[in-house]
């Protein structure tokens, strides 16, 4: 399998080099000037013979096409027939649900919630250090 891959690579490289040579050769051909054409004598114009006329073909007798018979058109009814009225059976009654005894819960003990600390709304100022004293005096 490795040998197969190397053959493909070798063919690809050879095609690349061959196309470069061809493009260089084509460019050289385009840049050259054509040689001067020698003076040739004028050639005689031949006369073509006329074509014979086409023969007339005999006209055949074709029978006429048969006519399509007309079919009777059906008539559509204008009114719809009435459907019989159906009666629906009465709906069944829903049975009553039994009542459940009501459970009474003991009252909740009175507890107080802990105090939530407040968030400060002012930003404290940042202290800046004073600059160091100058070692030399400027004039």
C-alpha atoms as a PDB file:
ATOM      1  CA  UNK A   1       0.000   0.000   0.000  1.00  0.00           C
ATOM      2  CA  UNK A   2       2.888   2.359   0.728  1.00  0.00           C
ATOM      3  CA  UNK A   3       4.352   1.671  -2.715  1.00  0.00           C
ATOM      4  CA  UNK A   4       1.028   2.625  -4.307  1.00  0.00           C
ATOM      5  CA  UNK A   5       1.100   6.005  -2.528  1.00  0.00           C
ATOM      6  CA  UNK A   6       4.648   6.691  -3.662  1.00  0.00           C
ATOM      7  CA  UNK A   7       3.678   5.982  -7.295  1.00  0.00           C
ATOM      8  CA  UNK A   8       0.843   8.488  -7.062  1.00  0.00           C
ATOM      9  CA  UNK A   9       3.160  11.140  -5.604  1.00  0.00           C
ATOM     10  CA  UNK A  10       5.758  10.496  -8.345  1.00  0.00           C
ATOM     11  CA  UNK A  11       3.120  10.868 -11.094  1.00  0.00           C
ATOM     12  CA  UNK A  12       1.793  14.066  -9.496  1.00  0.00           C
ATOM     13  CA  UNK A  13       5.274  15.622  -9.323  1.00  0.00           C
ATOM     14  CA  UNK A  14       6.050  14.676 -12.939  1.00  0.00           C
ATOM     15  CA  UNK A  15       2.778  16.249 -14.104  1.00  0.00           C
ATOM     16  CA  UNK A  16       3.619  19.443 -12.240  1.00  0.00           C
ATOM     17  CA  UNK A  17       7.017  19.737 -13.913  1.00  0.00           C
ATOM     18  CA  UNK A  18       5.674  18.911 -17.366  1.00  0.00           C
ATOM     19  CA  UNK A  19       3.005  21.598 -17.154  1.00  0.00           C
ATOM     20  CA  UNK A  20       5.625  24.221 -16.205  1.00  0.00           C
ATOM     21  CA  UNK A  21       7.698  23.373 -19.286  1.00  0.00           C
ATOM     22  CA  UNK A  22       4.660  23.579 -21.499  1.00  0.00           C
ATOM     23  CA  UNK A  23       3.647  26.959 -20.142  1.00  0.00           C
ATOM     24  CA  UNK A  24       7.173  28.318 -20.724  1.00  0.00           C
ATOM     25  CA  UNK A  25       7.151  26.962 -24.289  1.00  0.00           C
ATOM     26  CA  UNK A  26       3.735  28.476 -24.965  1.00  0.00           C
ATOM     27  CA  UNK A  27       4.925  31.855 -23.662  1.00  0.00           C
ATOM     28  CA  UNK A  28       7.986  31.730 -25.933  1.00  0.00           C
ATOM     29  CA  UNK A  29       5.777  30.966 -28.932  1.00  0.00           C
ATOM     30  CA  UNK A  30       3.508  33.888 -28.125  1.00  0.00           C
ATOM     31  CA  UNK A  31       6.419  36.323 -27.810  1.00  0.00           C
ATOM     32  CA  UNK A  32       8.039  35.435 -31.151  1.00  0.00           C
ATOM     33  CA  UNK A  33       7.096  37.286 -34.313  1.00  0.00           C
ATOM     34  CA  UNK A  34       5.783  35.252 -37.229  1.00  0.00           C
ATOM     35  CA  UNK A  35       8.076  34.952 -40.271  1.00  0.00           C
ATOM     36  CA  UNK A  36       7.226  36.964 -43.386  1.00  0.00           C
ATOM     37  CA  UNK A  37       4.852  35.060 -45.631  1.00  0.00           C
ATOM     38  CA  UNK A  38       6.094  34.450 -49.200  1.00  0.00           C
ATOM     39  CA  UNK A  39       4.097  35.982 -52.040  1.00  0.00           C
ATOM     40  CA  UNK A  40       1.671  33.371 -53.296  1.00  0.00           C
ATOM     41  CA  UNK A  41      -0.152  33.636 -56.622  1.00  0.00           C
ATOM     42  CA  UNK A  42      -3.917  34.083 -56.340  1.00  0.00           C
ATOM     43  CA  UNK A  43      -5.873  30.864 -56.547  1.00  0.00           C
ATOM     44  CA  UNK A  44      -8.676  30.473 -59.097  1.00  0.00           C
ATOM     45  CA  UNK A  45     -12.222  30.483 -57.785  1.00  0.00           C
ATOM     46  CA  UNK A  46     -13.909  27.227 -58.817  1.00  0.00           C
ATOM     47  CA  UNK A  47     -17.497  27.352 -59.991  1.00  0.00           C
ATOM     48  CA  UNK A  48     -19.878  24.981 -58.309  1.00  0.00           C
ATOM     49  CA  UNK A  49     -22.429  23.058 -60.381  1.00  0.00           C
ATOM     50  CA  UNK A  50     -26.062  23.849 -59.728  1.00  0.00           C
ATOM     51  CA  UNK A  51     -28.098  21.392 -57.746  1.00  0.00           C
ATOM     52  CA  UNK A  52     -30.827  19.458 -59.560  1.00  0.00           C
ATOM     53  CA  UNK A  53     -34.389  20.452 -58.659  1.00  0.00           C
ATOM     54  CA  UNK A  54     -36.140  18.371 -56.025  1.00  0.00           C
ATOM     55  CA  UNK A  55     -38.708  15.953 -57.417  1.00  0.00           C
ATOM     56  CA  UNK A  56     -42.311  16.459 -56.446  1.00  0.00           C
ATOM     57  CA  UNK A  57     -43.694  13.749 -54.235  1.00  0.00           C
ATOM     58  CA  UNK A  58     -47.088  12.222 -54.970  1.00  0.00           C
ATOM     59  CA  UNK A  59     -49.831  13.369 -52.636  1.00  0.00           C
ATOM     60  CA  UNK A  60     -51.546  10.498 -50.871  1.00  0.00           C
ATOM     61  CA  UNK A  61     -55.219  10.377 -49.990  1.00  0.00           C
ATOM     62  CA  UNK A  62     -55.569  10.443 -46.239  1.00  0.00           C
ATOM     63  CA  UNK A  63     -58.965   9.572 -44.793  1.00  0.00           C
ATOM     64  CA  UNK A  64     -60.495  12.234 -42.576  1.00  0.00           C
ATOM     65  CA  UNK A  65     -60.246  11.840 -38.813  1.00  0.00           C
ATOM     66  CA  UNK A  66     -63.293  10.357 -37.112  1.00  0.00           C
ATOM     67  CA  UNK A  67     -65.450  12.752 -35.153  1.00  0.00           C
ATOM     68  CA  UNK A  68     -65.680  12.425 -31.395  1.00  0.00           C
ATOM     69  CA  UNK A  69     -69.227  11.602 -30.333  1.00  0.00           C
ATOM     70  CA  UNK A  70     -70.848  13.947 -27.849  1.00  0.00           C
ATOM     71  CA  UNK A  71     -71.813  12.308 -24.585  1.00  0.00           C
ATOM     72  CA  UNK A  72     -74.875  13.315 -22.610  1.00  0.00           C
ATOM     73  CA  UNK A  73     -74.033  15.685 -19.779  1.00  0.00           C
ATOM     74  CA  UNK A  74     -75.221  14.587 -16.320  1.00  0.00           C
ATOM     75  CA  UNK A  75     -77.370  17.002 -14.396  1.00  0.00           C
ATOM     76  CA  UNK A  76     -76.299  17.942 -10.908  1.00  0.00           C
ATOM     77  CA  UNK A  77     -78.919  18.182  -8.176  1.00  0.00           C
ATOM     78  CA  UNK A  78     -79.501  21.713  -6.937  1.00  0.00           C
ATOM     79  CA  UNK A  79     -80.635  20.872  -3.385  1.00  0.00           C
ATOM     80  CA  UNK A  80     -79.049  18.583  -0.831  1.00  0.00           C
ATOM     81  CA  UNK A  81     -81.089  15.783   0.637  1.00  0.00           C
ATOM     82  CA  UNK A  82     -81.987  16.220   4.289  1.00  0.00           C
ATOM     83  CA  UNK A  83     -80.392  13.867   6.755  1.00  0.00           C
ATOM     84  CA  UNK A  84     -82.440  12.200   9.448  1.00  0.00           C
ATOM     85  CA  UNK A  85     -82.199  13.868  12.838  1.00  0.00           C
ATOM     86  CA  UNK A  86     -80.567  11.623  15.399  1.00  0.00           C
ATOM     87  CA  UNK A  87     -81.239  11.713  19.107  1.00  0.00           C
ATOM     88  CA  UNK A  88     -78.420  11.466  21.585  1.00  0.00           C
ATOM     89  CA  UNK A  89     -78.733   9.344  24.726  1.00  0.00           C
ATOM     90  CA  UNK A  90     -78.733  11.270  28.013  1.00  0.00           C
ATOM     91  CA  UNK A  91     -75.403  11.749  29.726  1.00  0.00           C
ATOM     92  CA  UNK A  92     -74.753   9.612  32.773  1.00  0.00           C
ATOM     93  CA  UNK A  93     -74.843  11.416  36.086  1.00  0.00           C
ATOM     94  CA  UNK A  94     -71.576  11.945  37.936  1.00  0.00           C
ATOM     95  CA  UNK A  95     -71.508  10.110  41.267  1.00  0.00           C
ATOM     96  CA  UNK A  96     -70.962  12.248  44.336  1.00  0.00           C
ATOM     97  CA  UNK A  97     -67.582  12.070  45.984  1.00  0.00           C
ATOM     98  CA  UNK A  98     -67.505  11.039  49.632  1.00  0.00           C
ATOM     99  CA  UNK A  99     -66.462  13.791  51.987  1.00  0.00           C
ATOM    100  CA  UNK A 100     -63.142  13.420  53.739  1.00  0.00           C
ATOM    101  CA  UNK A 101     -62.663  14.423  57.356  1.00  0.00           C
ATOM    102  CA  UNK A 102     -60.995  17.810  57.687  1.00  0.00           C
ATOM    103  CA  UNK A 103     -57.625  17.695  59.401  1.00  0.00           C
ATOM    104  CA  UNK A 104     -56.754  20.560  61.710  1.00  0.00           C
ATOM    105  CA  UNK A 105     -53.136  21.622  61.963  1.00  0.00           C
ATOM    106  CA  UNK A 106     -51.620  23.003  65.154  1.00  0.00           C
ATOM    107  CA  UNK A 107     -50.724  26.694  65.003  1.00  0.00           C
ATOM    108  CA  UNK A 108     -47.155  27.605  64.064  1.00  0.00           C
ATOM    109  CA  UNK A 109     -44.911  28.857  66.863  1.00  0.00           C
ATOM    110  CA  UNK A 110     -44.232  32.579  66.784  1.00  0.00           C
ATOM    111  CA  UNK A 111     -40.589  33.033  65.759  1.00  0.00           C
ATOM    112  CA  UNK A 112     -38.830  36.200  64.825  1.00  0.00           C
ATOM    113  CA  UNK A 113     -36.559  36.369  61.771  1.00  0.00           C
ATOM    114  CA  UNK A 114     -32.899  37.294  62.311  1.00  0.00           C
ATOM    115  CA  UNK A 115     -31.844  40.830  61.437  1.00  0.00           C
ATOM    116  CA  UNK A 116     -30.339  41.215  57.952  1.00  0.00           C
ATOM    117  CA  UNK A 117     -27.278  43.478  57.930  1.00  0.00           C
ATOM    118  CA  UNK A 118     -27.534  46.591  55.790  1.00  0.00           C
ATOM    119  CA  UNK A 119     -25.267  47.163  52.802  1.00  0.00           C
ATOM    120  CA  UNK A 120     -23.314  50.433  52.942  1.00  0.00           C
ATOM    121  CA  UNK A 121     -24.200  52.821  50.117  1.00  0.00           C
ATOM    122  CA  UNK A 122     -21.215  55.196  50.398  1.00  0.00           C
ATOM    123  CA  UNK A 123     -17.785  54.418  48.965  1.00  0.00           C
ATOM    124  CA  UNK A 124     -14.966  55.082  51.441  1.00  0.00           C
ATOM    125  CA  UNK A 125     -12.212  57.408  50.254  1.00  0.00           C
ATOM    126  CA  UNK A 126      -8.827  55.934  49.428  1.00  0.00           C
ATOM    127  CA  UNK A 127      -5.955  57.628  51.294  1.00  0.00           C
ATOM    128  CA  UNK A 128      -3.098  58.769  49.046  1.00  0.00           C
ATOM    129  CA  UNK A 129       0.461  58.959  50.258  1.00  0.00           C
ATOM    130  CA  UNK A 130       2.252  62.278  50.119  1.00  0.00           C
ATOM    131  CA  UNK A 131       5.081  62.547  47.551  1.00  0.00           C
ATOM    132  CA  UNK A 132       8.612  62.090  48.810  1.00  0.00           C
ATOM    133  CA  UNK A 133      10.611  65.240  49.486  1.00  0.00           C
ATOM    134  CA  UNK A 134      12.866  66.503  46.700  1.00  0.00           C
ATOM    135  CA  UNK A 135      16.584  65.941  47.218  1.00  0.00           C
ATOM    136  CA  UNK A 136      17.734  68.834  44.995  1.00  0.00           C
ATOM    137  CA  UNK A 137      16.219  72.229  44.616  1.00  0.00           C
ATOM    138  CA  UNK A 138      15.306  73.483  41.183  1.00  0.00           C
ATOM    139  CA  UNK A 139      16.165  77.136  40.138  1.00  0.00           C
END
